[in-house]
């Protein structure tokens, strides 16, 4: 099966004679160190190079075409090529590739693909890429693609550069490119924009984790979460999450069945909204379970607490530290206070946290209300939550469960 590939375009400094060695050093650091290239150099009988960092870096930098294999890049195997420098275009082009079979026959947690994407973005930033993209389809001719992309870059057509091979699964735009554009991109094919702390952007084409499975990855995710919850029925309240996961699994299977042209012919239909809603629910389930499994003194999940002012029960998603912590975990991407993810009067994070803060004041010992972010939190939302009286925690990794 052909690999899915990506390109990174790194600007070449005009007056830096050792720039290529410096770039190689950054690449090796980003990929995990010299140990990664052991297999690459073994078959060429270059054992001695692996024990001298500078010799290794100089050797790689001197090659017009160098291939490095990384066996554990965001839990996947990644092939990396340092291609011939193109000083006439002012760019050094780097190529990355991941076997499609790793995506189509994914083992363990489906969210591993998101971990891979996150590390790929980190690679882009660490090596100083100005623009980069990763596509699910294979390049017809890598040289032709590079030439077309570089021509687009040089005339300032950033969108055309990114879409040389159709809509990419992930794109990275550096702060330099963003300032050149002058405004946030508003291209019709963009499904999601993530603002990075560096000032760069990540562009998503598609809502799911896995580019090779499309919306079928939502079914994989639902099945995986259901299986994980069945392993954790000892968690108090876990059966509530399990019932939700089962409902979404059946719902998604029904949607996939209804869209089958083989079964239904012209009557086949696709429920886009249904898939999107299920994804949101599944992310909430994952965020809650993974947070619960991390917290000491866990009381349970989906815990009902009576509100004495309204004579009704409210739900605490994760109760830990013997009841002294009430957590609101979320897998939402970072957002600002203009987003409905913050301000929606029914489901927004602000009102969800405020309800728990108000309820906590009626306890003999008020618990700490904590907003727990799996993907990071924007400074303005963190500031607003602290001002409300809540605590804020951000995870250092995505919530893998197996």
Protein backbone atom coordinates (compact mmCIF):
# COMPACT_ATOMS: atom_id res chain seq x y z
CA UNK A 1 0.00 0.00 0.00
CA UNK A 2 1.36 3.42 -0.96
CA UNK A 3 2.31 5.81 1.84
CA UNK A 4 0.62 9.09 2.74
CA UNK A 5 3.12 11.89 2.31
CA UNK A 6 3.91 15.39 3.44
CA UNK A 7 6.24 18.24 2.52
CA UNK A 8 7.92 20.84 4.70
CA UNK A 9 9.37 24.00 3.16
CA UNK A 10 12.21 25.46 5.24
CA UNK A 11 13.66 28.85 4.18
CA UNK A 12 17.40 28.85 3.42
CA UNK A 13 19.36 31.61 5.22
CA UNK A 14 21.21 33.81 2.74
CA UNK A 15 24.41 34.26 4.78
CA UNK A 16 24.75 31.17 6.96
CA UNK A 17 27.34 28.70 5.56
CA UNK A 18 26.55 25.93 8.06
CA UNK A 19 22.76 26.24 7.80
CA UNK A 20 22.31 22.71 6.48
CA UNK A 21 24.23 21.16 9.40
CA UNK A 22 22.12 23.23 11.79
CA UNK A 23 18.97 22.02 10.06
CA UNK A 24 20.08 18.38 10.32
CA UNK A 25 20.74 18.88 14.03
CA UNK A 26 17.20 20.26 14.49
CA UNK A 27 15.74 17.36 12.49
CA UNK A 28 17.50 14.74 14.61
CA UNK A 29 16.45 16.47 17.83
CA UNK A 30 12.84 16.70 16.64
CA UNK A 31 12.78 13.04 15.59
CA UNK A 32 14.20 11.89 18.90
CA UNK A 33 18.01 11.86 18.63
CA UNK A 34 20.84 10.02 16.95
CA UNK A 35 19.60 6.59 18.02
CA UNK A 36 16.86 6.89 15.39
CA UNK A 37 19.27 6.57 12.49
CA UNK A 38 20.90 3.35 13.67
CA UNK A 39 18.96 1.16 11.25
CA UNK A 40 19.47 3.67 8.44
CA UNK A 41 23.24 3.60 8.79
CA UNK A 42 23.69 -0.06 9.69
CA UNK A 43 22.94 -1.36 6.22
CA UNK A 44 25.46 1.05 4.68
CA UNK A 45 28.24 -0.14 6.97
CA UNK A 46 28.61 3.28 8.62
CA UNK A 47 28.69 1.98 12.17
CA UNK A 48 31.42 4.46 13.18
CA UNK A 49 29.25 7.46 12.38
CA UNK A 50 26.61 6.53 14.92
CA UNK A 51 29.03 7.15 17.79
CA UNK A 52 30.09 10.66 16.74
CA UNK A 53 27.30 13.21 16.70
CA UNK A 54 29.09 15.90 14.71
CA UNK A 55 30.46 13.47 12.12
CA UNK A 56 26.98 12.06 11.64
CA UNK A 57 25.45 15.51 11.23
CA UNK A 58 28.13 16.59 8.75
CA UNK A 59 27.71 13.38 6.75
CA UNK A 60 23.94 13.73 6.46
CA UNK A 61 24.23 17.43 5.58
CA UNK A 62 26.71 16.63 2.80
CA UNK A 63 24.30 14.27 1.04
CA UNK A 64 21.96 15.50 -1.69
CA UNK A 65 19.35 12.93 -0.66
CA UNK A 66 19.26 11.36 2.81
CA UNK A 67 16.63 8.99 4.20
CA UNK A 68 16.04 8.57 7.95
CA UNK A 69 13.62 6.10 9.50
CA UNK A 70 11.91 6.89 12.82
CA UNK A 71 10.19 3.84 14.34
CA UNK A 72 8.27 5.72 17.02
CA UNK A 73 7.01 9.09 15.85
CA UNK A 74 3.77 9.84 17.66
CA UNK A 75 3.35 6.03 18.12
CA UNK A 76 3.77 5.42 14.35
CA UNK A 77 6.67 4.75 12.03
CA UNK A 78 7.75 7.75 9.95
CA UNK A 79 10.06 7.95 6.95
CA UNK A 80 11.89 11.24 6.55
CA UNK A 81 13.89 12.53 3.58
CA UNK A 82 16.28 15.46 3.48
CA UNK A 83 16.02 16.32 -0.22
CA UNK A 84 18.41 18.26 -2.41
CA UNK A 85 18.58 21.92 -1.41
CA UNK A 86 16.96 24.35 -3.84
CA UNK A 87 18.82 27.64 -3.29
CA UNK A 88 17.32 29.08 -6.48
CA UNK A 89 13.96 29.01 -4.71
CA UNK A 90 15.37 29.92 -1.26
CA UNK A 91 13.90 26.75 0.25
CA UNK A 92 15.07 23.41 1.55
CA UNK A 93 12.35 20.82 1.04
CA UNK A 94 11.82 17.96 3.50
CA UNK A 95 9.57 14.99 2.78
CA UNK A 96 7.75 12.81 5.30
CA UNK A 97 5.75 9.64 4.79
CA UNK A 98 3.68 7.22 6.85
CA UNK A 99 2.46 3.85 5.60
CA UNK A 100 -1.27 3.91 4.88
CA UNK A 101 -1.58 0.43 6.29
CA UNK A 102 -0.74 1.88 9.71
CA UNK A 103 -3.76 4.15 9.32
CA UNK A 104 -6.21 1.75 7.66
CA UNK A 105 -5.44 -1.13 10.04
CA UNK A 106 -4.87 0.96 13.14
CA UNK A 107 -4.33 -1.00 16.32
CA UNK A 108 -5.12 0.10 19.87
CA UNK A 109 -6.49 3.60 20.38
CA UNK A 110 -7.80 5.41 17.25
CA UNK A 111 -6.65 8.71 18.78
CA UNK A 112 -3.06 7.66 18.13
CA UNK A 113 -3.48 9.38 14.75
CA UNK A 114 -4.14 12.67 16.53
CA UNK A 115 -0.98 12.16 18.59
CA UNK A 116 0.92 11.62 15.33
CA UNK A 117 -0.55 14.82 13.85
CA UNK A 118 0.36 16.78 16.98
CA UNK A 119 3.96 15.59 16.83
CA UNK A 120 4.15 16.35 13.11
CA UNK A 121 3.14 19.96 13.85
CA UNK A 122 5.82 20.08 16.55
CA UNK A 123 8.35 18.84 13.97
CA UNK A 124 7.33 21.66 11.61
CA UNK A 125 7.95 24.26 14.30
CA UNK A 126 11.21 22.78 15.55
CA UNK A 127 12.87 22.64 12.12
CA UNK A 128 11.65 26.14 11.22
CA UNK A 129 9.28 25.21 8.39
CA UNK A 130 7.58 28.21 6.87
CA UNK A 131 4.76 26.15 5.43
CA UNK A 132 4.04 22.41 5.44
CA UNK A 133 1.28 19.95 4.64
CA UNK A 134 0.40 16.28 4.91
CA UNK A 135 -1.89 14.59 2.42
CA UNK A 136 -3.64 11.22 2.58
CA UNK A 137 -3.17 10.61 -1.16
CA UNK A 138 0.19 9.67 -2.64
CA UNK A 139 2.10 12.11 -4.83
CA UNK A 140 2.10 11.21 -8.53
CA UNK A 141 5.53 12.79 -9.02
CA UNK A 142 7.34 14.28 -6.05
CA UNK A 143 9.54 16.53 -8.20
CA UNK A 144 6.57 17.96 -10.11
CA UNK A 145 4.68 18.57 -6.87
CA UNK A 146 7.64 20.37 -5.31
CA UNK A 147 8.20 22.54 -8.39
CA UNK A 148 4.50 23.53 -8.48
CA UNK A 149 4.41 24.22 -4.74
CA UNK A 150 7.56 26.35 -4.88
CA UNK A 151 6.20 28.34 -7.81
CA UNK A 152 3.04 29.03 -5.83
CA UNK A 153 5.08 30.08 -2.79
CA UNK A 154 7.23 32.46 -4.80
CA UNK A 155 4.23 34.24 -6.27
CA UNK A 156 2.62 34.42 -2.83
CA UNK A 157 -0.30 32.08 -3.55
CA UNK A 158 -0.30 30.18 -0.24
CA UNK A 159 -3.61 28.41 -0.82
CA UNK A 160 -2.46 27.07 -4.19
CA UNK A 161 0.78 25.83 -2.60
CA UNK A 162 -1.16 23.90 0.02
CA UNK A 163 -3.58 22.41 -2.49
CA UNK A 164 -1.06 21.16 -5.06
CA UNK A 165 -2.28 17.62 -4.31
CA UNK A 166 -5.88 18.42 -3.37
CA UNK A 167 -7.11 19.27 0.13
CA UNK A 168 -4.43 18.29 2.68
CA UNK A 169 -5.30 16.43 5.85
CA UNK A 170 -3.14 18.79 7.92
CA UNK A 171 -1.40 22.05 7.03
CA UNK A 172 1.01 24.13 9.05
CA UNK A 173 1.47 27.87 8.49
CA UNK A 174 4.25 29.65 10.36
CA UNK A 175 3.83 33.09 12.00
CA UNK A 176 5.88 34.50 9.09
CA UNK A 177 3.36 33.23 6.54
CA UNK A 178 0.44 34.41 8.67
CA UNK A 179 1.88 37.93 8.78
CA UNK A 180 2.41 37.79 5.01
CA UNK A 181 -1.24 36.86 4.50
CA UNK A 182 -2.26 39.75 6.74
CA UNK A 183 -5.49 38.00 7.80
CA UNK A 184 -6.57 34.58 9.02
CA UNK A 185 -7.22 32.35 5.99
CA UNK A 186 -10.85 32.04 4.97
CA UNK A 187 -10.59 29.28 2.38
CA UNK A 188 -13.72 27.26 1.67
CA UNK A 189 -12.09 23.85 2.14
CA UNK A 190 -10.92 24.55 5.70
CA UNK A 191 -12.86 22.54 8.29
CA UNK A 192 -10.97 23.82 11.34
CA UNK A 193 -8.24 26.32 12.29
CA UNK A 194 -6.09 25.84 15.39
CA UNK A 195 -4.13 28.83 16.67
CA UNK A 196 -0.74 27.80 18.07
CA UNK A 197 1.02 29.58 20.97
CA UNK A 198 3.81 30.48 18.51
CA UNK A 199 1.38 32.48 16.38
CA UNK A 200 1.25 29.79 13.70
CA UNK A 201 -1.84 27.99 12.43
CA UNK A 202 -2.82 24.38 11.87
CA UNK A 203 -5.47 23.79 9.21
CA UNK A 204 -7.67 20.68 9.29
CA UNK A 205 -9.51 19.23 6.32
CA UNK A 206 -12.08 16.92 7.89
CA UNK A 207 -13.45 16.41 11.37
CA UNK A 208 -12.14 12.95 12.16
CA UNK A 209 -8.87 11.59 13.45
CA UNK A 210 -7.96 9.25 10.63
CA UNK A 211 -7.59 10.48 7.04
CA UNK A 212 -7.52 6.98 5.61
CA UNK A 213 -10.80 5.89 7.24
CA UNK A 214 -12.86 9.05 6.84
CA UNK A 215 -16.03 9.01 8.92
CA UNK A 216 -15.66 5.28 9.54
CA UNK A 217 -13.09 6.23 12.17
CA UNK A 218 -15.98 7.50 14.33
CA UNK A 219 -17.31 3.92 14.51
CA UNK A 220 -13.83 2.64 15.41
CA UNK A 221 -13.64 5.25 18.14
CA UNK A 222 -17.06 4.37 19.56
CA UNK A 223 -16.25 0.65 19.61
CA UNK A 224 -12.87 1.29 21.23
CA UNK A 225 -14.38 3.50 23.95
CA UNK A 226 -17.11 0.97 24.64
CA UNK A 227 -14.47 -1.75 25.08
CA UNK A 228 -12.40 0.47 27.38
CA UNK A 229 -15.41 1.28 29.54
CA UNK A 230 -16.25 -2.41 29.81
CA UNK A 231 -12.77 -2.85 31.30
CA UNK A 232 -13.38 -0.09 33.85
CA UNK A 233 -16.78 -0.97 35.29
CA UNK A 234 -15.14 -0.72 38.71
CA UNK A 235 -15.25 3.07 38.25
CA UNK A 236 -18.35 4.32 40.01
CA UNK A 237 -20.69 5.81 37.41
CA UNK A 238 -18.80 4.13 34.58
CA UNK A 239 -21.93 2.28 33.52
CA UNK A 240 -23.53 5.64 32.62
CA UNK A 241 -20.65 6.41 30.26
CA UNK A 242 -20.82 2.87 28.90
CA UNK A 243 -24.51 3.23 28.03
CA UNK A 244 -23.75 6.49 26.19
CA UNK A 245 -20.90 4.89 24.25
CA UNK A 246 -23.13 1.96 23.24
CA UNK A 247 -25.82 4.34 21.98
CA UNK A 248 -23.32 6.26 19.86
CA UNK A 249 -21.80 3.05 18.52
CA UNK A 250 -25.21 1.82 17.34
CA UNK A 251 -26.14 5.26 16.02
CA UNK A 252 -22.95 5.52 13.96
CA UNK A 253 -23.30 2.00 12.58
CA UNK A 254 -26.84 2.90 11.51
CA UNK A 255 -25.56 6.06 9.78
CA UNK A 256 -22.84 4.11 7.98
CA UNK A 257 -25.41 1.52 6.88
CA UNK A 258 -27.80 4.19 5.59
CA UNK A 259 -25.06 5.75 3.43
CA UNK A 260 -24.22 2.45 1.70
CA UNK A 261 -24.97 2.83 -2.00
CA UNK A 262 -24.48 -0.92 -2.47
CA UNK A 263 -27.34 -1.62 -0.04
CA UNK A 264 -29.66 1.28 -0.73
CA UNK A 265 -28.83 2.56 -4.20
CA UNK A 266 -30.27 6.02 -4.87
CA UNK A 267 -31.98 5.92 -1.46
CA UNK A 268 -28.61 5.99 0.31
CA UNK A 269 -28.27 9.09 2.46
CA UNK A 270 -25.60 10.59 4.67
CA UNK A 271 -26.31 12.16 8.05
CA UNK A 272 -23.44 14.65 8.37
CA UNK A 273 -24.95 16.30 11.44
CA UNK A 274 -25.46 12.94 13.14
CA UNK A 275 -21.79 11.99 12.74
CA UNK A 276 -20.63 15.39 14.03
CA UNK A 277 -22.90 15.14 17.10
CA UNK A 278 -21.64 11.63 17.84
CA UNK A 279 -18.04 12.80 17.61
CA UNK A 280 -18.73 15.49 20.22
CA UNK A 281 -20.36 12.99 22.58
CA UNK A 282 -17.54 10.46 22.12
CA UNK A 283 -14.92 13.13 22.82
CA UNK A 284 -16.79 14.05 26.02
CA UNK A 285 -16.82 10.38 27.07
CA UNK A 286 -13.11 10.01 26.35
CA UNK A 287 -12.21 13.25 28.14
CA UNK A 288 -14.19 12.19 31.22
CA UNK A 289 -12.90 8.61 31.49
CA UNK A 290 -9.25 9.51 30.83
CA UNK A 291 -9.37 12.34 33.37
CA UNK A 292 -10.97 10.08 35.98
CA UNK A 293 -8.31 7.40 35.55
CA UNK A 294 -5.61 9.99 36.26
CA UNK A 295 -7.02 11.48 39.45
CA UNK A 296 -6.06 10.22 42.91
CA UNK A 297 -8.86 9.63 45.36
CA UNK A 298 -11.40 9.09 42.60
CA UNK A 299 -14.98 8.99 43.85
CA UNK A 300 -16.55 8.42 40.45
CA UNK A 301 -17.80 9.87 37.18
CA UNK A 302 -21.23 11.29 36.32
CA UNK A 303 -21.91 11.84 40.04
CA UNK A 304 -25.27 13.34 41.00
CA UNK A 305 -25.20 16.16 43.58
CA UNK A 306 -28.37 17.77 44.97
CA UNK A 307 -28.77 21.51 44.44
CA UNK A 308 -30.60 22.70 47.61
CA UNK A 309 -31.66 25.98 45.99
CA UNK A 310 -33.54 24.30 43.15
CA UNK A 311 -34.31 20.90 44.68
CA UNK A 312 -32.78 19.03 41.76
CA UNK A 313 -29.69 16.99 41.03
CA UNK A 314 -26.75 18.28 39.00
CA UNK A 315 -24.00 16.19 37.42
CA UNK A 316 -20.33 16.37 38.39
CA UNK A 317 -18.45 14.74 35.52
CA UNK A 318 -15.44 13.69 37.60
CA UNK A 319 -15.34 13.73 41.40
CA UNK A 320 -11.92 13.02 42.92
CA UNK A 321 -9.69 13.57 45.96
CA UNK A 322 -12.34 12.00 48.14
CA UNK A 323 -14.94 14.48 46.91
CA UNK A 324 -12.80 17.60 47.32
CA UNK A 325 -12.30 18.01 43.55
CA UNK A 326 -15.03 18.53 40.98
CA UNK A 327 -13.65 18.43 37.45
CA UNK A 328 -15.01 19.53 34.08
CA UNK A 329 -12.77 17.78 31.51
CA UNK A 330 -12.88 18.76 27.85
CA UNK A 331 -11.30 17.68 24.58
CA UNK A 332 -12.33 20.87 22.81
CA UNK A 333 -9.62 22.65 20.87
CA UNK A 334 -8.49 25.94 22.47
CA UNK A 335 -11.08 28.68 21.97
CA UNK A 336 -11.56 32.31 22.94
CA UNK A 337 -14.40 34.03 24.79
CA UNK A 338 -16.17 34.90 21.54
CA UNK A 339 -16.66 31.20 20.81
CA UNK A 340 -19.93 29.40 21.52
CA UNK A 341 -17.79 26.74 23.23
CA UNK A 342 -17.34 29.34 25.96
CA UNK A 343 -20.48 31.46 25.83
CA UNK A 344 -23.37 29.18 24.83
CA UNK A 345 -26.01 29.65 27.59
CA UNK A 346 -26.77 25.91 27.73
CA UNK A 347 -23.58 24.03 26.87
CA UNK A 348 -20.81 26.63 27.03
CA UNK A 349 -17.91 26.01 29.39
CA UNK A 350 -18.54 29.24 31.30
CA UNK A 351 -22.03 28.27 32.43
CA UNK A 352 -21.03 24.65 33.13
CA UNK A 353 -18.26 25.77 35.46
CA UNK A 354 -20.37 28.50 37.07
CA UNK A 355 -23.12 26.01 37.93
CA UNK A 356 -20.60 23.85 39.80
CA UNK A 357 -19.04 26.87 41.53
CA UNK A 358 -22.48 27.94 42.78
CA UNK A 359 -23.31 24.41 43.89
CA UNK A 360 -19.96 24.02 45.67
CA UNK A 361 -20.73 26.97 47.95
CA UNK A 362 -23.57 24.98 49.54
CA UNK A 363 -21.24 22.22 50.71
CA UNK A 364 -19.84 22.16 54.24
CA UNK A 365 -16.36 22.10 52.73
CA UNK A 366 -16.49 23.71 49.28
CA UNK A 367 -14.73 21.45 46.75
CA UNK A 368 -12.26 22.81 44.22
CA UNK A 369 -13.86 23.24 40.80
CA UNK A 370 -11.30 22.46 38.10
CA UNK A 371 -11.58 22.95 34.35
CA UNK A 372 -9.35 20.27 32.83
CA UNK A 373 -8.19 20.85 29.25
CA UNK A 374 -6.79 17.97 27.22
CA UNK A 375 -5.78 20.08 24.21
CA UNK A 376 -4.67 23.25 25.95
CA UNK A 377 -6.42 26.47 26.92
CA UNK A 378 -6.23 29.98 25.51
CA UNK A 379 -4.87 32.68 27.89
CA UNK A 380 -8.12 34.66 27.90
CA UNK A 381 -10.23 31.63 28.83
CA UNK A 382 -7.78 30.64 31.56
CA UNK A 383 -7.90 34.18 32.94
CA UNK A 384 -11.70 34.23 32.88
CA UNK A 385 -12.00 30.90 34.69
CA UNK A 386 -9.58 31.94 37.42
CA UNK A 387 -11.48 35.20 37.86
CA UNK A 388 -14.67 33.16 38.36
CA UNK A 389 -12.99 31.21 41.16
CA UNK A 390 -12.22 27.99 39.29
CA UNK A 391 -8.87 26.28 38.93
CA UNK A 392 -7.41 25.43 35.52
CA UNK A 393 -5.30 22.44 34.55
CA UNK A 394 -3.99 21.46 31.11
CA UNK A 395 -2.80 17.95 30.28
CA UNK A 396 0.67 17.40 28.87
CA UNK A 397 -0.56 14.83 26.34
CA UNK A 398 -3.69 13.70 24.55
CA UNK A 399 -5.91 11.17 26.37
CA UNK A 400 -4.82 7.83 24.94
CA UNK A 401 -6.54 4.89 26.62
CA UNK A 402 -4.84 1.83 25.18
